[in-house]
Amino acid sequence: MSDPALFTTPGMRDFAEAVDAERQRQIAKFGDQHHPIIRGPHTVALFVDVAEGLRQTNDDPDERCWMTILLKEAYEAGAEGNLAKFREEIVQIAAVCQAIVTDLDRQGAQR
């Protein structure tokens, strides 16, 4: 069990434990995986274009939703050529996922 002082964001411990359990299932099923981050310049250009479109969507409060926020973060990550910045984008994706799970739990969608 986690140290109670380790996480300060509401719902973060439950989220981290759920992610850890899922990761253990993935490792048991697929083993330790290694894949390229992204392949080819055409793919990067696609990620850049989609990320920009999603940024515009998220600027409109009537259009913004959790899925467009999450997808924007994912496409921004895919458009990033610098590995350190790519890692920052992946951490942002995890933070958005945690916010979504916490919001779902507030709405009564617990497991």
C-alpha atoms as a PDB file:
ATOM      1  CA  MET A   1       0.000   0.000   0.000  1.00  0.00           C
ATOM      2  CA  SER A   2       1.182   3.529  -0.735  1.00  0.00           C
ATOM      3  CA  ASP A   3       2.481   6.021   1.788  1.00  0.00           C
ATOM      4  CA  PRO A   4      -0.486   8.333   2.526  1.00  0.00           C
ATOM      5  CA  ALA A   5       1.734  11.419   2.097  1.00  0.00           C
ATOM      6  CA  LEU A   6       2.988  10.317  -1.327  1.00  0.00           C
ATOM      7  CA  PHE A   7       0.050  11.732  -3.303  1.00  0.00           C
ATOM      8  CA  THR A   8      -1.709  15.003  -2.575  1.00  0.00           C
ATOM      9  CA  THR A   9      -4.072  15.204  -5.557  1.00  0.00           C
ATOM     10  CA  PRO A  10      -7.513  13.779  -4.729  1.00  0.00           C
ATOM     11  CA  GLY A  11      -7.960  10.385  -6.370  1.00  0.00           C
ATOM     12  CA  MET A  12      -4.298  10.085  -7.410  1.00  0.00           C
ATOM     13  CA  ARG A  13      -3.459   7.102  -5.197  1.00  0.00           C
ATOM     14  CA  ASP A  14      -6.421   5.068  -6.462  1.00  0.00           C
ATOM     15  CA  PHE A  15      -5.544   6.040 -10.029  1.00  0.00           C
ATOM     16  CA  ALA A  16      -1.866   5.090  -9.600  1.00  0.00           C
ATOM     17  CA  GLU A  17      -2.777   1.758  -8.038  1.00  0.00           C
ATOM     18  CA  ALA A  18      -5.224   0.998 -10.867  1.00  0.00           C
ATOM     19  CA  VAL A  19      -2.602   1.919 -13.479  1.00  0.00           C
ATOM     20  CA  ASP A  20      -0.005  -0.230 -11.704  1.00  0.00           C
ATOM     21  CA  ALA A  21      -2.381  -3.213 -11.634  1.00  0.00           C
ATOM     22  CA  GLU A  22      -3.195  -2.769 -15.336  1.00  0.00           C
ATOM     23  CA  ARG A  23       0.494  -2.455 -16.190  1.00  0.00           C
ATOM     24  CA  GLN A  24       1.208  -5.706 -14.354  1.00  0.00           C
ATOM     25  CA  ARG A  25      -1.546  -7.407 -16.420  1.00  0.00           C
ATOM     26  CA  GLN A  26       0.016  -6.029 -19.623  1.00  0.00           C
ATOM     27  CA  ILE A  27       3.497  -7.235 -18.664  1.00  0.00           C
ATOM     28  CA  ALA A  28       2.141 -10.683 -17.813  1.00  0.00           C
ATOM     29  CA  LYS A  29       0.353 -10.881 -21.163  1.00  0.00           C
ATOM     30  CA  PHE A  30       2.839  -9.168 -23.525  1.00  0.00           C
ATOM     31  CA  GLY A  31       6.140  -9.089 -21.622  1.00  0.00           C
ATOM     32  CA  ASP A  32       8.440  -6.087 -21.532  1.00  0.00           C
ATOM     33  CA  GLN A  33       7.709  -4.254 -24.777  1.00  0.00           C
ATOM     34  CA  HIS A  34       9.939  -1.988 -26.866  1.00  0.00           C
ATOM     35  CA  HIS A  35       8.508  -0.065 -29.841  1.00  0.00           C
ATOM     36  CA  PRO A  36       9.527   2.996 -31.849  1.00  0.00           C
ATOM     37  CA  ILE A  37       7.996   6.214 -30.510  1.00  0.00           C
ATOM     38  CA  ILE A  38       6.777   7.217 -33.983  1.00  0.00           C
ATOM     39  CA  ARG A  39       7.588   6.283 -37.563  1.00  0.00           C
ATOM     40  CA  GLY A  40       8.073   8.534 -40.557  1.00  0.00           C
ATOM     41  CA  PRO A  41       7.688  12.245 -41.335  1.00  0.00           C
ATOM     42  CA  HIS A  42       4.179  11.820 -42.744  1.00  0.00           C
ATOM     43  CA  THR A  43       2.973  10.506 -39.408  1.00  0.00           C
ATOM     44  CA  VAL A  44       4.535  13.445 -37.552  1.00  0.00           C
ATOM     45  CA  ALA A  45       2.857  15.901 -39.949  1.00  0.00           C
ATOM     46  CA  LEU A  46      -0.496  14.205 -39.321  1.00  0.00           C
ATOM     47  CA  PHE A  47      -0.019  14.537 -35.561  1.00  0.00           C
ATOM     48  CA  VAL A  48       0.861  18.238 -35.934  1.00  0.00           C
ATOM     49  CA  ASP A  49      -2.267  18.932 -38.020  1.00  0.00           C
ATOM     50  CA  VAL A  50      -4.652  17.023 -35.771  1.00  0.00           C
ATOM     51  CA  ALA A  51      -3.181  18.582 -32.609  1.00  0.00           C
ATOM     52  CA  GLU A  52      -3.782  22.056 -34.035  1.00  0.00           C
ATOM     53  CA  GLY A  53      -7.372  21.214 -34.924  1.00  0.00           C
ATOM     54  CA  LEU A  54      -7.986  19.872 -31.431  1.00  0.00           C
ATOM     55  CA  ARG A  55      -6.426  23.001 -29.878  1.00  0.00           C
ATOM     56  CA  GLN A  56      -8.976  25.075 -31.793  1.00  0.00           C
ATOM     57  CA  THR A  57     -11.799  22.782 -30.653  1.00  0.00           C
ATOM     58  CA  ASN A  58     -10.694  23.051 -27.031  1.00  0.00           C
ATOM     59  CA  ASP A  59     -10.627  26.851 -27.255  1.00  0.00           C
ATOM     60  CA  ASP A  60     -14.424  26.719 -27.648  1.00  0.00           C
ATOM     61  CA  PRO A  61     -16.071  25.885 -24.285  1.00  0.00           C
ATOM     62  CA  ASP A  62     -19.134  24.556 -26.138  1.00  0.00           C
ATOM     63  CA  GLU A  63     -16.984  21.991 -27.977  1.00  0.00           C
ATOM     64  CA  ARG A  64     -14.398  21.081 -25.319  1.00  0.00           C
ATOM     65  CA  CYS A  65     -14.806  17.724 -23.583  1.00  0.00           C
ATOM     66  CA  TRP A  66     -12.529  15.217 -21.883  1.00  0.00           C
ATOM     67  CA  MET A  67     -11.943  13.262 -25.090  1.00  0.00           C
ATOM     68  CA  THR A  68     -10.862  16.306 -27.131  1.00  0.00           C
ATOM     69  CA  ILE A  69      -8.558  17.366 -24.285  1.00  0.00           C
ATOM     70  CA  LEU A  70      -7.053  13.868 -24.068  1.00  0.00           C
ATOM     71  CA  LEU A  71      -6.674  13.539 -27.834  1.00  0.00           C
ATOM     72  CA  LYS A  72      -5.040  16.970 -28.099  1.00  0.00           C
ATOM     73  CA  GLU A  73      -2.434  15.902 -25.546  1.00  0.00           C
ATOM     74  CA  ALA A  74      -1.839  12.618 -27.388  1.00  0.00           C
ATOM     75  CA  TYR A  75      -1.453  14.292 -30.770  1.00  0.00           C
ATOM     76  CA  GLU A  76       0.837  16.950 -29.309  1.00  0.00           C
ATOM     77  CA  ALA A  77       3.003  14.129 -27.971  1.00  0.00           C
ATOM     78  CA  GLY A  78       3.062  12.456 -31.383  1.00  0.00           C
ATOM     79  CA  ALA A  79       4.127  15.729 -32.994  1.00  0.00           C
ATOM     80  CA  GLU A  80       7.053  16.171 -30.590  1.00  0.00           C
ATOM     81  CA  GLY A  81      10.468  15.248 -31.964  1.00  0.00           C
ATOM     82  CA  ASN A  82      12.461  15.931 -28.795  1.00  0.00           C
ATOM     83  CA  LEU A  83      12.366  12.883 -26.498  1.00  0.00           C
ATOM     84  CA  ALA A  84      12.526  14.931 -23.284  1.00  0.00           C
ATOM     85  CA  LYS A  85       9.571  17.033 -24.445  1.00  0.00           C
ATOM     86  CA  PHE A  86       7.787  13.901 -25.660  1.00  0.00           C
ATOM     87  CA  ARG A  87       8.139  12.506 -22.138  1.00  0.00           C
ATOM     88  CA  GLU A  88       6.646  15.733 -20.719  1.00  0.00           C
ATOM     89  CA  GLU A  89       3.686  15.331 -23.079  1.00  0.00           C
ATOM     90  CA  ILE A  90       3.171  11.723 -21.950  1.00  0.00           C
ATOM     91  CA  VAL A  91       3.136  12.875 -18.322  1.00  0.00           C
ATOM     92  CA  GLN A  92       0.509  15.455 -19.313  1.00  0.00           C
ATOM     93  CA  ILE A  93      -1.559  12.642 -20.853  1.00  0.00           C
ATOM     94  CA  ALA A  94      -1.341  10.696 -17.596  1.00  0.00           C
ATOM     95  CA  ALA A  95      -2.438  13.784 -15.638  1.00  0.00           C
ATOM     96  CA  VAL A  96      -5.427  14.289 -17.935  1.00  0.00           C
ATOM     97  CA  CYS A  97      -6.313  10.598 -17.588  1.00  0.00           C
ATOM     98  CA  GLN A  98      -6.207  10.949 -13.809  1.00  0.00           C
ATOM     99  CA  ALA A  99      -8.504  13.987 -13.989  1.00  0.00           C
ATOM    100  CA  ILE A 100     -10.932  12.047 -16.198  1.00  0.00           C
ATOM    101  CA  VAL A 101     -10.975   9.045 -13.851  1.00  0.00           C
ATOM    102  CA  THR A 102     -11.519  11.303 -10.827  1.00  0.00           C
ATOM    103  CA  ASP A 103     -14.384  13.063 -12.624  1.00  0.00           C
ATOM    104  CA  LEU A 104     -15.905   9.692 -13.587  1.00  0.00           C
ATOM    105  CA  ASP A 105     -15.626   8.487  -9.994  1.00  0.00           C
ATOM    106  CA  ARG A 106     -17.409  11.644  -8.798  1.00  0.00           C
ATOM    107  CA  GLN A 107     -20.181  10.779 -11.241  1.00  0.00           C
ATOM    108  CA  GLY A 108     -20.479   7.292  -9.765  1.00  0.00           C
ATOM    109  CA  ALA A 109     -18.597   5.279 -12.397  1.00  0.00           C
ATOM    110  CA  GLN A 110     -16.336   3.466  -9.907  1.00  0.00           C
ATOM    111  CA  ARG A 111     -15.349  -0.091 -10.685  1.00  0.00           C
END
